[in-house]
Amino acid sequence: MAGLGVFEVNDANFDEEVLRSEQPVLVDFWAVWCGPCKAIAPIVDGVAQNYAGKLKVAKVNVDENGATPSRYGIRGIPALLFFKDGKVADQIVGYVPKDVIEAKIQRLLA
């Protein structure tokens, strides 16, 4: 379910790809059966294209990777976590419009 410019991460490579990233990272926690996850996916894909080179965008399938979601207390999906310098800088739970996500990205990159 990863679009152009979006990469899948898992429990094994999460630290390397997200926490040690030189760029800020938006991580989308999702599942195949989740309707709101499917609804927000095109927005997340668009963000990946619009911010290519400034922001990494990753997806974690919560059904295939249990350790990472529990490590970050993910209880509802979709959950978008914004990482900067290896730490959670912000988060969104549930479906939100694109402008809400864009506003958080602008703050993250400022």
PDB file of N, CA and C in Angstrom:
ATOM      1  N   MET A   1       0.820  -1.204   0.000  1.00  0.00           N
ATOM      2  CA  MET A   1       0.000   0.000   0.000  1.00  0.00           C
ATOM      3  C   MET A   1       0.862   1.265   0.000  1.00  0.00           C
ATOM      4  N   ALA A   2       2.140   1.106  -0.228  1.00  0.00           N
ATOM      5  CA  ALA A   2       3.015   2.281  -0.269  1.00  0.00           C
ATOM      6  C   ALA A   2       3.011   2.871  -1.669  1.00  0.00           C
ATOM      7  N   GLY A   3       2.839   4.183  -1.760  1.00  0.00           N
ATOM      8  CA  GLY A   3       2.823   4.868  -3.045  1.00  0.00           C
ATOM      9  C   GLY A   3       4.208   5.354  -3.421  1.00  0.00           C
ATOM     10  N   LEU A   4       4.263   6.173  -4.459  1.00  0.00           N
ATOM     11  CA  LEU A   4       5.518   6.724  -4.957  1.00  0.00           C
ATOM     12  C   LEU A   4       6.181   7.595  -3.891  1.00  0.00           C
ATOM     13  N   GLY A   5       7.432   7.321  -3.578  1.00  0.00           N
ATOM     14  CA  GLY A   5       8.146   8.122  -2.586  1.00  0.00           C
ATOM     15  C   GLY A   5       7.876   7.700  -1.152  1.00  0.00           C
ATOM     16  N   VAL A   6       7.030   6.674  -0.983  1.00  0.00           N
ATOM     17  CA  VAL A   6       6.699   6.168   0.355  1.00  0.00           C
ATOM     18  C   VAL A   6       7.339   4.797   0.482  1.00  0.00           C
ATOM     19  N   PHE A   7       7.981   4.529   1.618  1.00  0.00           N
ATOM     20  CA  PHE A   7       8.587   3.213   1.758  1.00  0.00           C
ATOM     21  C   PHE A   7       8.028   2.495   2.980  1.00  0.00           C
ATOM     22  N   GLU A   8       7.971   1.171   2.874  1.00  0.00           N
ATOM     23  CA  GLU A   8       7.489   0.339   3.975  1.00  0.00           C
ATOM     24  C   GLU A   8       8.632   0.142   4.970  1.00  0.00           C
ATOM     25  N   VAL A   9       8.332   0.308   6.238  1.00  0.00           N
ATOM     26  CA  VAL A   9       9.291  -0.048   7.270  1.00  0.00           C
ATOM     27  C   VAL A   9       8.658  -1.101   8.152  1.00  0.00           C
ATOM     28  N   ASN A  10       9.506  -1.854   8.865  1.00  0.00           N
ATOM     29  CA  ASN A  10       9.006  -2.917   9.730  1.00  0.00           C
ATOM     30  C   ASN A  10       9.752  -2.880  11.061  1.00  0.00           C
ATOM     31  N   ASP A  11       9.388  -3.805  11.930  1.00  0.00           N
ATOM     32  CA  ASP A  11      10.023  -3.840  13.253  1.00  0.00           C
ATOM     33  C   ASP A  11      11.544  -3.955  13.137  1.00  0.00           C
ATOM     34  N   ALA A  12      12.026  -4.683  12.135  1.00  0.00           N
ATOM     35  CA  ALA A  12      13.468  -4.933  12.001  1.00  0.00           C
ATOM     36  C   ALA A  12      14.247  -3.698  11.550  1.00  0.00           C
ATOM     37  N   ASN A  13      13.671  -2.891  10.647  1.00  0.00           N
ATOM     38  CA  ASN A  13      14.452  -1.769  10.113  1.00  0.00           C
ATOM     39  C   ASN A  13      13.956  -0.397  10.573  1.00  0.00           C
ATOM     40  N   PHE A  14      13.015  -0.348  11.496  1.00  0.00           N
ATOM     41  CA  PHE A  14      12.433   0.921  11.940  1.00  0.00           C
ATOM     42  C   PHE A  14      13.489   1.875  12.509  1.00  0.00           C
ATOM     43  N   ASP A  15      14.325   1.386  13.413  1.00  0.00           N
ATOM     44  CA  ASP A  15      15.337   2.252  14.031  1.00  0.00           C
ATOM     45  C   ASP A  15      16.273   2.845  12.986  1.00  0.00           C
ATOM     46  N   GLU A  16      16.716   2.002  12.058  1.00  0.00           N
ATOM     47  CA  GLU A  16      17.648   2.447  11.015  1.00  0.00           C
ATOM     48  C   GLU A  16      16.991   3.474  10.092  1.00  0.00           C
ATOM     49  N   GLU A  17      15.789   3.176   9.612  1.00  0.00           N
ATOM     50  CA  GLU A  17      15.131   4.012   8.609  1.00  0.00           C
ATOM     51  C   GLU A  17      14.500   5.279   9.192  1.00  0.00           C
ATOM     52  N   VAL A  18      13.998   5.189  10.428  1.00  0.00           N
ATOM     53  CA  VAL A  18      13.254   6.317  11.000  1.00  0.00           C
ATOM     54  C   VAL A  18      14.069   7.055  12.063  1.00  0.00           C
ATOM     55  N   LEU A  19      14.490   6.358  13.095  1.00  0.00           N
ATOM     56  CA  LEU A  19      15.143   7.022  14.222  1.00  0.00           C
ATOM     57  C   LEU A  19      16.514   7.582  13.863  1.00  0.00           C
ATOM     58  N   ARG A  20      17.229   6.932  12.921  1.00  0.00           N
ATOM     59  CA  ARG A  20      18.557   7.413  12.541  1.00  0.00           C
ATOM     60  C   ARG A  20      18.528   8.246  11.271  1.00  0.00           C
ATOM     61  N   SER A  21      17.346   8.592  10.792  1.00  0.00           N
ATOM     62  CA  SER A  21      17.222   9.360   9.550  1.00  0.00           C
ATOM     63  C   SER A  21      17.768  10.771   9.738  1.00  0.00           C
ATOM     64  N   GLU A  22      18.463  11.251   8.711  1.00  0.00           N
ATOM     65  CA  GLU A  22      18.968  12.629   8.734  1.00  0.00           C
ATOM     66  C   GLU A  22      17.821  13.625   8.565  1.00  0.00           C
ATOM     67  N   GLN A  23      16.790  13.196   7.834  1.00  0.00           N
ATOM     68  CA  GLN A  23      15.621  14.044   7.586  1.00  0.00           C
ATOM     69  C   GLN A  23      14.512  13.716   8.575  1.00  0.00           C
ATOM     70  N   PRO A  24      13.586  14.669   8.801  1.00  0.00           N
ATOM     71  CA  PRO A  24      12.381  14.332   9.564  1.00  0.00           C
ATOM     72  C   PRO A  24      11.618  13.227   8.825  1.00  0.00           C
ATOM     73  N   VAL A  25      10.866  12.431   9.566  1.00  0.00           N
ATOM     74  CA  VAL A  25      10.135  11.306   8.983  1.00  0.00           C
ATOM     75  C   VAL A  25       8.673  11.334   9.444  1.00  0.00           C
ATOM     76  N   LEU A  26       7.767  11.146   8.491  1.00  0.00           N
ATOM     77  CA  LEU A  26       6.352  10.947   8.787  1.00  0.00           C
ATOM     78  C   LEU A  26       6.107   9.452   8.665  1.00  0.00           C
ATOM     79  N   VAL A  27       5.614   8.831   9.752  1.00  0.00           N
ATOM     80  CA  VAL A  27       5.321   7.401   9.729  1.00  0.00           C
ATOM     81  C   VAL A  27       3.814   7.207   9.834  1.00  0.00           C
ATOM     82  N   ASP A  28       3.259   6.500   8.856  1.00  0.00           N
ATOM     83  CA  ASP A  28       1.835   6.183   8.796  1.00  0.00           C
ATOM     84  C   ASP A  28       1.643   4.749   9.283  1.00  0.00           C
ATOM     85  N   PHE A  29       0.998   4.587  10.441  1.00  0.00           N
ATOM     86  CA  PHE A  29       0.665   3.257  10.950  1.00  0.00           C
ATOM     87  C   PHE A  29      -0.716   2.902  10.405  1.00  0.00           C
ATOM     88  N   TRP A  30      -0.830   1.784   9.691  1.00  0.00           N
ATOM     89  CA  TRP A  30      -2.056   1.438   8.978  1.00  0.00           C
ATOM     90  C   TRP A  30      -2.293  -0.067   8.976  1.00  0.00           C
ATOM     91  N   ALA A  31      -3.462  -0.471   8.454  1.00  0.00           N
ATOM     92  CA  ALA A  31      -3.782  -1.886   8.241  1.00  0.00           C
ATOM     93  C   ALA A  31      -4.653  -2.008   6.989  1.00  0.00           C
ATOM     94  N   VAL A  32      -4.594  -3.162   6.343  1.00  0.00           N
ATOM     95  CA  VAL A  32      -5.316  -3.409   5.098  1.00  0.00           C
ATOM     96  C   VAL A  32      -6.825  -3.237   5.277  1.00  0.00           C
ATOM     97  N   TRP A  33      -7.358  -3.692   6.413  1.00  0.00           N
ATOM     98  CA  TRP A  33      -8.807  -3.698   6.660  1.00  0.00           C
ATOM     99  C   TRP A  33      -9.354  -2.339   7.112  1.00  0.00           C
ATOM    100  N   CYS A  34      -8.498  -1.348   7.299  1.00  0.00           N
ATOM    101  CA  CYS A  34      -8.880  -0.065   7.901  1.00  0.00           C
ATOM    102  C   CYS A  34      -9.357   0.930   6.836  1.00  0.00           C
ATOM    103  N   GLY A  35     -10.649   1.242   6.836  1.00  0.00           N
ATOM    104  CA  GLY A  35     -11.224   2.191   5.881  1.00  0.00           C
ATOM    105  C   GLY A  35     -10.602   3.576   5.941  1.00  0.00           C
ATOM    106  N   PRO A  36     -10.514   4.200   7.140  1.00  0.00           N
ATOM    107  CA  PRO A  36      -9.881   5.520   7.228  1.00  0.00           C
ATOM    108  C   PRO A  36      -8.414   5.512   6.772  1.00  0.00           C
ATOM    109  N   CYS A  37      -7.717   4.379   6.930  1.00  0.00           N
ATOM    110  CA  CYS A  37      -6.330   4.259   6.458  1.00  0.00           C
ATOM    111  C   CYS A  37      -6.291   4.377   4.937  1.00  0.00           C
ATOM    112  N   LYS A  38      -7.266   3.716   4.273  1.00  0.00           N
ATOM    113  CA  LYS A  38      -7.338   3.787   2.808  1.00  0.00           C
ATOM    114  C   LYS A  38      -7.679   5.200   2.363  1.00  0.00           C
ATOM    115  N   ALA A  39      -8.515   5.886   3.136  1.00  0.00           N
ATOM    116  CA  ALA A  39      -8.933   7.248   2.788  1.00  0.00           C
ATOM    117  C   ALA A  39      -7.777   8.246   2.907  1.00  0.00           C
ATOM    118  N   ILE A  40      -6.907   8.047   3.906  1.00  0.00           N
ATOM    119  CA  ILE A  40      -5.813   8.996   4.133  1.00  0.00           C
ATOM    120  C   ILE A  40      -4.587   8.670   3.271  1.00  0.00           C
ATOM    121  N   ALA A  41      -4.534   7.457   2.714  1.00  0.00           N
ATOM    122  CA  ALA A  41      -3.363   7.019   1.928  1.00  0.00           C
ATOM    123  C   ALA A  41      -3.013   7.961   0.775  1.00  0.00           C
ATOM    124  N   PRO A  42      -3.989   8.434  -0.032  1.00  0.00           N
ATOM    125  CA  PRO A  42      -3.614   9.357  -1.126  1.00  0.00           C
ATOM    126  C   PRO A  42      -3.024  10.674  -0.615  1.00  0.00           C
ATOM    127  N   ILE A  43      -3.473  11.134   0.546  1.00  0.00           N
ATOM    128  CA  ILE A  43      -2.926  12.360   1.146  1.00  0.00           C
ATOM    129  C   ILE A  43      -1.465  12.119   1.529  1.00  0.00           C
ATOM    130  N   VAL A  44      -1.213  10.980   2.190  1.00  0.00           N
ATOM    131  CA  VAL A  44       0.150  10.628   2.611  1.00  0.00           C
ATOM    132  C   VAL A  44       1.059  10.477   1.383  1.00  0.00           C
ATOM    133  N   ASP A  45       0.543   9.844   0.324  1.00  0.00           N
ATOM    134  CA  ASP A  45       1.325   9.695  -0.913  1.00  0.00           C
ATOM    135  C   ASP A  45       1.650  11.063  -1.510  1.00  0.00           C
ATOM    136  N   GLY A  46       0.689  11.975  -1.487  1.00  0.00           N
ATOM    137  CA  GLY A  46       0.898  13.324  -2.006  1.00  0.00           C
ATOM    138  C   GLY A  46       1.948  14.084  -1.223  1.00  0.00           C
ATOM    139  N   VAL A  47       1.901  13.923   0.092  1.00  0.00           N
ATOM    140  CA  VAL A  47       2.890  14.563   0.972  1.00  0.00           C
ATOM    141  C   VAL A  47       4.289  14.056   0.617  1.00  0.00           C
ATOM    142  N   ALA A  48       4.414  12.750   0.378  1.00  0.00           N
ATOM    143  CA  ALA A  48       5.711  12.167   0.039  1.00  0.00           C
ATOM    144  C   ALA A  48       6.274  12.806  -1.225  1.00  0.00           C
ATOM    145  N   GLN A  49       5.420  13.056  -2.213  1.00  0.00           N
ATOM    146  CA  GLN A  49       5.877  13.657  -3.460  1.00  0.00           C
ATOM    147  C   GLN A  49       6.182  15.143  -3.278  1.00  0.00           C
ATOM    148  N   ASN A  50       5.316  15.850  -2.553  1.00  0.00           N
ATOM    149  CA  ASN A  50       5.497  17.300  -2.362  1.00  0.00           C
ATOM    150  C   ASN A  50       6.737  17.647  -1.548  1.00  0.00           C
ATOM    151  N   TYR A  51       7.089  16.776  -0.609  1.00  0.00           N
ATOM    152  CA  TYR A  51       8.206  17.073   0.294  1.00  0.00           C
ATOM    153  C   TYR A  51       9.423  16.178   0.044  1.00  0.00           C
ATOM    154  N   ALA A  52       9.494  15.581  -1.128  1.00  0.00           N
ATOM    155  CA  ALA A  52      10.631  14.716  -1.475  1.00  0.00           C
ATOM    156  C   ALA A  52      11.930  15.497  -1.281  1.00  0.00           C
ATOM    157  N   GLY A  53      12.882  14.884  -0.587  1.00  0.00           N
ATOM    158  CA  GLY A  53      14.160  15.542  -0.338  1.00  0.00           C
ATOM    159  C   GLY A  53      14.194  16.308   0.973  1.00  0.00           C
ATOM    160  N   LYS A  54      13.010  16.605   1.548  1.00  0.00           N
ATOM    161  CA  LYS A  54      12.950  17.334   2.819  1.00  0.00           C
ATOM    162  C   LYS A  54      12.365  16.482   3.941  1.00  0.00           C
ATOM    163  N   LEU A  55      11.503  15.519   3.557  1.00  0.00           N
ATOM    164  CA  LEU A  55      10.777  14.699   4.527  1.00  0.00           C
ATOM    165  C   LEU A  55      10.692  13.281   4.001  1.00  0.00           C
ATOM    166  N   LYS A  56      11.052  12.301   4.840  1.00  0.00           N
ATOM    167  CA  LYS A  56      10.872  10.905   4.469  1.00  0.00           C
ATOM    168  C   LYS A  56       9.468  10.496   4.903  1.00  0.00           C
ATOM    169  N   VAL A  57       8.822   9.668   4.098  1.00  0.00           N
ATOM    170  CA  VAL A  57       7.483   9.182   4.441  1.00  0.00           C
ATOM    171  C   VAL A  57       7.516   7.656   4.437  1.00  0.00           C
ATOM    172  N   ALA A  58       7.111   7.087   5.563  1.00  0.00           N
ATOM    173  CA  ALA A  58       7.159   5.636   5.736  1.00  0.00           C
ATOM    174  C   ALA A  58       5.807   5.111   6.191  1.00  0.00           C
ATOM    175  N   LYS A  59       5.560   3.835   5.925  1.00  0.00           N
ATOM    176  CA  LYS A  59       4.337   3.182   6.382  1.00  0.00           C
ATOM    177  C   LYS A  59       4.710   1.936   7.171  1.00  0.00           C
ATOM    178  N   VAL A  60       3.946   1.690   8.250  1.00  0.00           N
ATOM    179  CA  VAL A  60       4.116   0.477   9.048  1.00  0.00           C
ATOM    180  C   VAL A  60       2.771  -0.242   9.086  1.00  0.00           C
ATOM    181  N   ASN A  61       2.739  -1.470   8.579  1.00  0.00           N
ATOM    182  CA  ASN A  61       1.531  -2.288   8.644  1.00  0.00           C
ATOM    183  C   ASN A  61       1.452  -2.871  10.060  1.00  0.00           C
ATOM    184  N   VAL A  62       0.427  -2.451  10.819  1.00  0.00           N
ATOM    185  CA  VAL A  62       0.341  -2.845  12.231  1.00  0.00           C
ATOM    186  C   VAL A  62       0.018  -4.327  12.412  1.00  0.00           C
ATOM    187  N   ASP A  63      -0.577  -4.955  11.395  1.00  0.00           N
ATOM    188  CA  ASP A  63      -0.889  -6.390  11.505  1.00  0.00           C
ATOM    189  C   ASP A  63       0.357  -7.251  11.314  1.00  0.00           C
ATOM    190  N   GLU A  64       1.312  -6.746  10.543  1.00  0.00           N
ATOM    191  CA  GLU A  64       2.533  -7.516  10.268  1.00  0.00           C
ATOM    192  C   GLU A  64       3.671  -7.149  11.211  1.00  0.00           C
ATOM    193  N   ASN A  65       3.557  -6.014  11.900  1.00  0.00           N
ATOM    194  CA  ASN A  65       4.615  -5.528  12.795  1.00  0.00           C
ATOM    195  C   ASN A  65       3.985  -5.084  14.107  1.00  0.00           C
ATOM    196  N   GLY A  66       4.094  -5.904  15.133  1.00  0.00           N
ATOM    197  CA  GLY A  66       3.456  -5.590  16.404  1.00  0.00           C
ATOM    198  C   GLY A  66       4.324  -4.794  17.375  1.00  0.00           C
ATOM    199  N   ALA A  67       5.637  -4.971  17.294  1.00  0.00           N
ATOM    200  CA  ALA A  67       6.529  -4.365  18.281  1.00  0.00           C
ATOM    201  C   ALA A  67       6.568  -2.841  18.178  1.00  0.00           C
ATOM    202  N   THR A  68       6.697  -2.317  16.957  1.00  0.00           N
ATOM    203  CA  THR A  68       6.825  -0.870  16.786  1.00  0.00           C
ATOM    204  C   THR A  68       5.563  -0.119  17.203  1.00  0.00           C
ATOM    205  N   PRO A  69       4.362  -0.534  16.757  1.00  0.00           N
ATOM    206  CA  PRO A  69       3.151   0.165  17.214  1.00  0.00           C
ATOM    207  C   PRO A  69       2.995   0.137  18.735  1.00  0.00           C
ATOM    208  N   SER A  70       3.298  -0.980  19.371  1.00  0.00           N
ATOM    209  CA  SER A  70       3.143  -1.031  20.829  1.00  0.00           C
ATOM    210  C   SER A  70       4.193  -0.178  21.523  1.00  0.00           C
ATOM    211  N   ARG A  71       5.382  -0.085  20.944  1.00  0.00           N
ATOM    212  CA  ARG A  71       6.454   0.749  21.488  1.00  0.00           C
ATOM    213  C   ARG A  71       6.041   2.223  21.539  1.00  0.00           C
ATOM    214  N   TYR A  72       5.237   2.645  20.562  1.00  0.00           N
ATOM    215  CA  TYR A  72       4.796   4.041  20.501  1.00  0.00           C
ATOM    216  C   TYR A  72       3.343   4.230  20.955  1.00  0.00           C
ATOM    217  N   GLY A  73       2.765   3.210  21.577  1.00  0.00           N
ATOM    218  CA  GLY A  73       1.428   3.333  22.140  1.00  0.00           C
ATOM    219  C   GLY A  73       0.337   3.544  21.110  1.00  0.00           C
ATOM    220  N   ILE A  74       0.510   2.961  19.918  1.00  0.00           N
ATOM    221  CA  ILE A  74      -0.502   3.106  18.868  1.00  0.00           C
ATOM    222  C   ILE A  74      -1.715   2.253  19.249  1.00  0.00           C
ATOM    223  N   ARG A  75      -2.857   2.912  19.487  1.00  0.00           N
ATOM    224  CA  ARG A  75      -4.081   2.205  19.846  1.00  0.00           C
ATOM    225  C   ARG A  75      -5.156   2.348  18.778  1.00  0.00           C
ATOM    226  N   GLY A  76      -5.079   3.408  17.992  1.00  0.00           N
ATOM    227  CA  GLY A  76      -6.029   3.629  16.908  1.00  0.00           C
ATOM    228  C   GLY A  76      -5.279   3.918  15.628  1.00  0.00           C
ATOM    229  N   ILE A  77      -5.873   3.487  14.508  1.00  0.00           N
ATOM    230  CA  ILE A  77      -5.257   3.768  13.214  1.00  0.00           C
ATOM    231  C   ILE A  77      -6.289   4.390  12.287  1.00  0.00           C
ATOM    232  N   PRO A  78      -5.900   5.172  11.312  1.00  0.00           N
ATOM    233  CA  PRO A  78      -4.508   5.508  11.011  1.00  0.00           C
ATOM    234  C   PRO A  78      -3.910   6.396  12.088  1.00  0.00           C
ATOM    235  N   ALA A  79      -2.629   6.215  12.322  1.00  0.00           N
ATOM    236  CA  ALA A  79      -1.891   7.081  13.241  1.00  0.00           C
ATOM    237  C   ALA A  79      -0.667   7.585  12.482  1.00  0.00           C
ATOM    238  N   LEU A  80      -0.510   8.891  12.456  1.00  0.00           N
ATOM    239  CA  LEU A  80       0.645   9.506  11.809  1.00  0.00           C
ATOM    240  C   LEU A  80       1.560  10.047  12.890  1.00  0.00           C
ATOM    241  N   LEU A  81       2.778   9.536  12.940  1.00  0.00           N
ATOM    242  CA  LEU A  81       3.763  10.040  13.890  1.00  0.00           C
ATOM    243  C   LEU A  81       4.832  10.792  13.117  1.00  0.00           C
ATOM    244  N   PHE A  82       5.177  11.974  13.624  1.00  0.00           N
ATOM    245  CA  PHE A  82       6.191  12.822  13.001  1.00  0.00           C
ATOM    246  C   PHE A  82       7.454  12.734  13.833  1.00  0.00           C
ATOM    247  N   PHE A  83       8.528  12.226  13.250  1.00  0.00           N
ATOM    248  CA  PHE A  83       9.803  12.059  13.958  1.00  0.00           C
ATOM    249  C   PHE A  83      10.800  13.097  13.494  1.00  0.00           C
ATOM    250  N   LYS A  84      11.521  13.661  14.459  1.00  0.00           N
ATOM    251  CA  LYS A  84      12.625  14.568  14.152  1.00  0.00           C
ATOM    252  C   LYS A  84      13.756  14.241  15.123  1.00  0.00           C
ATOM    253  N   ASP A  85      14.948  14.058  14.587  1.00  0.00           N
ATOM    254  CA  ASP A  85      16.119  13.709  15.408  1.00  0.00           C
ATOM    255  C   ASP A  85      15.861  12.481  16.285  1.00  0.00           C
ATOM    256  N   GLY A  86      15.155  11.496  15.721  1.00  0.00           N
ATOM    257  CA  GLY A  86      14.937  10.231  16.424  1.00  0.00           C
ATOM    258  C   GLY A  86      13.866  10.254  17.504  1.00  0.00           C
ATOM    259  N   LYS A  87      13.131  11.354  17.617  1.00  0.00           N
ATOM    260  CA  LYS A  87      12.091  11.454  18.644  1.00  0.00           C
ATOM    261  C   LYS A  87      10.767  11.861  18.010  1.00  0.00           C
ATOM    262  N   VAL A  88       9.669  11.442  18.663  1.00  0.00           N
ATOM    263  CA  VAL A  88       8.344  11.832  18.186  1.00  0.00           C
ATOM    264  C   VAL A  88       8.158  13.323  18.454  1.00  0.00           C
ATOM    265  N   ALA A  89       7.933  14.098  17.384  1.00  0.00           N
ATOM    266  CA  ALA A  89       7.758  15.542  17.502  1.00  0.00           C
ATOM    267  C   ALA A  89       6.282  15.920  17.515  1.00  0.00           C
ATOM    268  N   ASP A  90       5.447  15.072  16.903  1.00  0.00           N
ATOM    269  CA  ASP A  90       4.013  15.370  16.821  1.00  0.00           C
ATOM    270  C   ASP A  90       3.299  14.097  16.389  1.00  0.00           C
ATOM    271  N   GLN A  91       1.963  14.103  16.499  1.00  0.00           N
ATOM    272  CA  GLN A  91       1.209  12.945  16.026  1.00  0.00           C
ATOM    273  C   GLN A  91      -0.228  13.327  15.708  1.00  0.00           C
ATOM    274  N   ILE A  92      -0.841  12.497  14.859  1.00  0.00           N
ATOM    275  CA  ILE A  92      -2.245  12.631  14.490  1.00  0.00           C
ATOM    276  C   ILE A  92      -2.836  11.230  14.558  1.00  0.00           C
ATOM    277  N   VAL A  93      -4.004  11.082  15.179  1.00  0.00           N
ATOM    278  CA  VAL A  93      -4.692   9.792  15.185  1.00  0.00           C
ATOM    279  C   VAL A  93      -6.036   9.969  14.497  1.00  0.00           C
ATOM    280  N   GLY A  94      -6.322   9.068  13.556  1.00  0.00           N
ATOM    281  CA  GLY A  94      -7.578   9.128  12.822  1.00  0.00           C
ATOM    282  C   GLY A  94      -7.427   9.913  11.536  1.00  0.00           C
ATOM    283  N   TYR A  95      -8.507   9.901  10.746  1.00  0.00           N
ATOM    284  CA  TYR A  95      -8.491  10.622   9.476  1.00  0.00           C
ATOM    285  C   TYR A  95      -8.604  12.123   9.728  1.00  0.00           C
ATOM    286  N   VAL A  96      -7.766  12.893   9.076  1.00  0.00           N
ATOM    287  CA  VAL A  96      -7.839  14.356   9.131  1.00  0.00           C
ATOM    288  C   VAL A  96      -7.651  14.876   7.709  1.00  0.00           C
ATOM    289  N   PRO A  97      -8.133  16.100   7.429  1.00  0.00           N
ATOM    290  CA  PRO A  97      -7.917  16.659   6.093  1.00  0.00           C
ATOM    291  C   PRO A  97      -6.447  16.998   5.849  1.00  0.00           C
ATOM    292  N   LYS A  98      -6.114  17.134   4.577  1.00  0.00           N
ATOM    293  CA  LYS A  98      -4.736  17.385   4.156  1.00  0.00           C
ATOM    294  C   LYS A  98      -4.125  18.618   4.823  1.00  0.00           C
ATOM    295  N   ASP A  99      -4.908  19.696   4.988  1.00  0.00           N
ATOM    296  CA  ASP A  99      -4.332  20.933   5.538  1.00  0.00           C
ATOM    297  C   ASP A  99      -3.839  20.758   6.980  1.00  0.00           C
ATOM    298  N   VAL A 100      -4.482  19.853   7.732  1.00  0.00           N
ATOM    299  CA  VAL A 100      -4.029  19.586   9.109  1.00  0.00           C
ATOM    300  C   VAL A 100      -2.652  18.918   9.079  1.00  0.00           C
ATOM    301  N   ILE A 101      -2.483  17.963   8.184  1.00  0.00           N
ATOM    302  CA  ILE A 101      -1.199  17.265   8.042  1.00  0.00           C
ATOM    303  C   ILE A 101      -0.128  18.241   7.551  1.00  0.00           C
ATOM    304  N   GLU A 102      -0.493  19.050   6.549  1.00  0.00           N
ATOM    305  CA  GLU A 102       0.464  20.021   5.995  1.00  0.00           C
ATOM    306  C   GLU A 102       0.935  21.007   7.076  1.00  0.00           C
ATOM    307  N   ALA A 103       0.034  21.455   7.930  1.00  0.00           N
ATOM    308  CA  ALA A 103       0.389  22.411   8.985  1.00  0.00           C
ATOM    309  C   ALA A 103       1.414  21.803   9.944  1.00  0.00           C
ATOM    310  N   LYS A 104       1.214  20.529  10.277  1.00  0.00           N
ATOM    311  CA  LYS A 104       2.157  19.866  11.186  1.00  0.00           C
ATOM    312  C   LYS A 104       3.518  19.660  10.508  1.00  0.00           C
ATOM    313  N   ILE A 105       3.498  19.379   9.213  1.00  0.00           N
ATOM    314  CA  ILE A 105       4.761  19.218   8.474  1.00  0.00           C
ATOM    315  C   ILE A 105       5.513  20.535   8.426  1.00  0.00           C
ATOM    316  N   GLN A 106       4.799  21.626   8.177  1.00  0.00           N
ATOM    317  CA  GLN A 106       5.434  22.958   8.139  1.00  0.00           C
ATOM    318  C   GLN A 106       6.127  23.257   9.471  1.00  0.00           C
ATOM    319  N   ARG A 107       5.465  22.935  10.588  1.00  0.00           N
ATOM    320  CA  ARG A 107       6.081  23.157  11.911  1.00  0.00           C
ATOM    321  C   ARG A 107       7.289  22.258  12.102  1.00  0.00           C
ATOM    322  N   LEU A 108       7.182  21.024  11.627  1.00  0.00           N
ATOM    323  CA  LEU A 108       8.268  20.056  11.768  1.00  0.00           C
ATOM    324  C   LEU A 108       9.513  20.510  10.998  1.00  0.00           C
ATOM    325  N   LEU A 109       9.293  21.077   9.818  1.00  0.00           N
ATOM    326  CA  LEU A 109      10.417  21.474   8.960  1.00  0.00           C
ATOM    327  C   LEU A 109      10.950  22.876   9.286  1.00  0.00           C
ATOM    328  N   ALA A 110      10.222  23.618  10.108  1.00  0.00           N
ATOM    329  CA  ALA A 110      10.627  25.000  10.416  1.00  0.00           C
ATOM    330  C   ALA A 110      11.914  25.048  11.234  1.00  0.00           C
TER     331      ALA A 110
END
